[in-house]
Amino acid sequence: MNDSYFSTRQYNTPAWKRLVMCQEIGHVLGLDHQDEAFDNTPMGTCMDYSSEPNPNQYPNQHDYDMLASLYSHFDSTTTLAQLDATVNPDIDHDNKKPGGKK
């Protein structure tokens, strides 16, 4: 993380650091901001732009719900066995042992 943001005393606090790190990790995982207005009531999520870090240091239920919708796998198709075969074609995928030995 670029620490230059924290060279200002106002932002160089554990609460601001948690908010910023949580928000950046949220972006990496695919989350967007829930709100981009700095001066309204904090939403209680690190994915909120805020002038007050204390209630916004961690994800909220909406963030967890969004992650579940992004990463849940509801169909019956899987490519895991195909990936295993690509990585090591000598594995007998029915028995998960090299060369089909039981």
C-alpha atoms as a PDB file:
ATOM      1  CA  MET A   1       0.000   0.000   0.000  1.00  0.00           C
ATOM      2  CA  ASN A   2       1.209   3.470  -0.806  1.00  0.00           C
ATOM      3  CA  ASP A   3       1.757   5.117   2.588  1.00  0.00           C
ATOM      4  CA  SER A   4       1.901   8.658   1.174  1.00  0.00           C
ATOM      5  CA  TYR A   5      -1.838   8.953   1.834  1.00  0.00           C
ATOM      6  CA  PHE A   6      -1.080   8.594   5.528  1.00  0.00           C
ATOM      7  CA  SER A   7       1.533  11.356   5.722  1.00  0.00           C
ATOM      8  CA  THR A   8      -1.314  13.601   6.915  1.00  0.00           C
ATOM      9  CA  ARG A   9      -1.968  13.249  10.633  1.00  0.00           C
ATOM     10  CA  GLN A  10      -5.756  13.104  10.128  1.00  0.00           C
ATOM     11  CA  TYR A  11      -5.471   9.942   8.023  1.00  0.00           C
ATOM     12  CA  ASN A  12      -2.552   8.295   9.807  1.00  0.00           C
ATOM     13  CA  THR A  13      -4.727   6.293  12.206  1.00  0.00           C
ATOM     14  CA  PRO A  14      -5.536   2.594  12.543  1.00  0.00           C
ATOM     15  CA  ALA A  15      -9.194   3.253  11.634  1.00  0.00           C
ATOM     16  CA  TRP A  16      -8.345   4.986   8.336  1.00  0.00           C
ATOM     17  CA  LYS A  17      -5.771   2.332   7.471  1.00  0.00           C
ATOM     18  CA  ARG A  18      -8.334  -0.456   8.037  1.00  0.00           C
ATOM     19  CA  LEU A  19     -10.943   1.368   5.952  1.00  0.00           C
ATOM     20  CA  VAL A  20      -8.570   1.957   3.040  1.00  0.00           C
ATOM     21  CA  MET A  21      -7.118  -1.567   3.049  1.00  0.00           C
ATOM     22  CA  CYS A  22     -10.579  -3.136   3.329  1.00  0.00           C
ATOM     23  CA  GLN A  23     -11.828  -0.997   0.435  1.00  0.00           C
ATOM     24  CA  GLU A  24      -8.875  -1.826  -1.805  1.00  0.00           C
ATOM     25  CA  ILE A  25      -9.182  -5.556  -1.101  1.00  0.00           C
ATOM     26  CA  GLY A  26     -12.901  -5.254  -1.809  1.00  0.00           C
ATOM     27  CA  HIS A  27     -12.100  -3.733  -5.212  1.00  0.00           C
ATOM     28  CA  VAL A  28      -9.668  -6.570  -5.975  1.00  0.00           C
ATOM     29  CA  LEU A  29     -12.444  -9.063  -5.213  1.00  0.00           C
ATOM     30  CA  GLY A  30     -14.860  -7.214  -7.504  1.00  0.00           C
ATOM     31  CA  LEU A  31     -16.819  -4.993  -5.130  1.00  0.00           C
ATOM     32  CA  ASP A  32     -17.795  -1.455  -6.062  1.00  0.00           C
ATOM     33  CA  HIS A  33     -18.543   1.497  -3.813  1.00  0.00           C
ATOM     34  CA  GLN A  34     -21.957   1.377  -2.177  1.00  0.00           C
ATOM     35  CA  ASP A  35     -21.963   5.159  -1.910  1.00  0.00           C
ATOM     36  CA  GLU A  36     -19.679   7.922  -3.214  1.00  0.00           C
ATOM     37  CA  ALA A  37     -20.954  10.913  -1.216  1.00  0.00           C
ATOM     38  CA  PHE A  38     -18.503  11.869   1.523  1.00  0.00           C
ATOM     39  CA  ASP A  39     -20.851  13.958   3.658  1.00  0.00           C
ATOM     40  CA  ASN A  40     -23.888  11.718   4.134  1.00  0.00           C
ATOM     41  CA  THR A  41     -24.507   9.245   6.941  1.00  0.00           C
ATOM     42  CA  PRO A  42     -21.890   6.460   6.999  1.00  0.00           C
ATOM     43  CA  MET A  43     -23.240   3.136   5.740  1.00  0.00           C
ATOM     44  CA  GLY A  44     -21.174   0.868   7.992  1.00  0.00           C
ATOM     45  CA  THR A  45     -19.088  -0.620   5.188  1.00  0.00           C
ATOM     46  CA  CYS A  46     -15.560  -0.063   3.980  1.00  0.00           C
ATOM     47  CA  MET A  47     -17.028   0.206   0.476  1.00  0.00           C
ATOM     48  CA  ASP A  48     -18.540   3.589   1.414  1.00  0.00           C
ATOM     49  CA  TYR A  49     -16.810   6.893   0.686  1.00  0.00           C
ATOM     50  CA  SER A  50     -16.843   8.599   4.042  1.00  0.00           C
ATOM     51  CA  SER A  51     -15.369  11.432   6.038  1.00  0.00           C
ATOM     52  CA  GLU A  52     -15.743   9.253   9.161  1.00  0.00           C
ATOM     53  CA  PRO A  53     -13.798   5.975   9.219  1.00  0.00           C
ATOM     54  CA  ASN A  54     -15.005   4.482  12.506  1.00  0.00           C
ATOM     55  CA  PRO A  55     -18.223   2.782  11.349  1.00  0.00           C
ATOM     56  CA  ASN A  56     -16.727   1.960   7.931  1.00  0.00           C
ATOM     57  CA  GLN A  57     -13.688  -0.179   8.679  1.00  0.00           C
ATOM     58  CA  TYR A  58     -15.089  -3.567   7.668  1.00  0.00           C
ATOM     59  CA  PRO A  59     -17.400  -5.127   5.048  1.00  0.00           C
ATOM     60  CA  ASN A  60     -21.114  -5.201   5.772  1.00  0.00           C
ATOM     61  CA  GLN A  61     -23.704  -7.848   4.914  1.00  0.00           C
ATOM     62  CA  HIS A  62     -24.327  -6.303   1.478  1.00  0.00           C
ATOM     63  CA  ASP A  63     -20.626  -6.768   0.657  1.00  0.00           C
ATOM     64  CA  TYR A  64     -20.739 -10.431   1.691  1.00  0.00           C
ATOM     65  CA  ASP A  65     -23.938 -10.933  -0.304  1.00  0.00           C
ATOM     66  CA  MET A  66     -22.316  -9.388  -3.386  1.00  0.00           C
ATOM     67  CA  LEU A  67     -19.269 -11.650  -3.018  1.00  0.00           C
ATOM     68  CA  ALA A  68     -21.559 -14.669  -2.742  1.00  0.00           C
ATOM     69  CA  SER A  69     -23.386 -13.667  -5.917  1.00  0.00           C
ATOM     70  CA  LEU A  70     -20.103 -13.055  -7.745  1.00  0.00           C
ATOM     71  CA  TYR A  71     -18.443 -16.315  -6.749  1.00  0.00           C
ATOM     72  CA  SER A  72     -21.258 -18.825  -6.134  1.00  0.00           C
ATOM     73  CA  HIS A  73     -21.392 -21.722  -8.568  1.00  0.00           C
ATOM     74  CA  PHE A  74     -24.994 -22.843  -9.105  1.00  0.00           C
ATOM     75  CA  ASP A  75     -24.795 -25.002 -12.220  1.00  0.00           C
ATOM     76  CA  SER A  76     -23.664 -28.631 -12.437  1.00  0.00           C
ATOM     77  CA  THR A  77     -20.698 -27.962 -14.729  1.00  0.00           C
ATOM     78  CA  THR A  78     -17.190 -28.145 -13.380  1.00  0.00           C
ATOM     79  CA  THR A  79     -13.808 -27.780 -15.026  1.00  0.00           C
ATOM     80  CA  LEU A  80     -11.816 -28.945 -12.025  1.00  0.00           C
ATOM     81  CA  ALA A  81     -11.079 -32.419 -13.415  1.00  0.00           C
ATOM     82  CA  GLN A  82     -10.092 -30.864 -16.734  1.00  0.00           C
ATOM     83  CA  LEU A  83      -7.688 -28.586 -14.898  1.00  0.00           C
ATOM     84  CA  ASP A  84      -6.169 -31.557 -13.031  1.00  0.00           C
ATOM     85  CA  ALA A  85      -5.687 -33.431 -16.309  1.00  0.00           C
ATOM     86  CA  THR A  86      -3.970 -30.427 -17.835  1.00  0.00           C
ATOM     87  CA  VAL A  87      -1.635 -30.011 -14.895  1.00  0.00           C
ATOM     88  CA  ASN A  88      -0.807 -33.714 -14.553  1.00  0.00           C
ATOM     89  CA  PRO A  89      -2.201 -35.978 -17.293  1.00  0.00           C
ATOM     90  CA  ASP A  90      -0.851 -39.088 -15.503  1.00  0.00           C
ATOM     91  CA  ILE A  91      -3.431 -38.862 -12.708  1.00  0.00           C
ATOM     92  CA  ASP A  92      -6.327 -41.299 -12.795  1.00  0.00           C
ATOM     93  CA  HIS A  93      -9.067 -38.854 -11.826  1.00  0.00           C
ATOM     94  CA  ASP A  94     -11.467 -41.569 -10.707  1.00  0.00           C
ATOM     95  CA  ASN A  95      -9.030 -42.760  -8.048  1.00  0.00           C
ATOM     96  CA  LYS A  96      -6.906 -39.607  -7.613  1.00  0.00           C
ATOM     97  CA  LYS A  97      -3.679 -41.604  -7.742  1.00  0.00           C
ATOM     98  CA  PRO A  98      -0.891 -41.530 -10.329  1.00  0.00           C
ATOM     99  CA  GLY A  99      -1.151 -44.228 -12.954  1.00  0.00           C
ATOM    100  CA  GLY A 100      -4.532 -45.472 -11.709  1.00  0.00           C
ATOM    101  CA  LYS A 101      -2.966 -47.389  -8.795  1.00  0.00           C
ATOM    102  CA  LYS A 102      -5.343 -47.977  -5.900  1.00  0.00           C
END
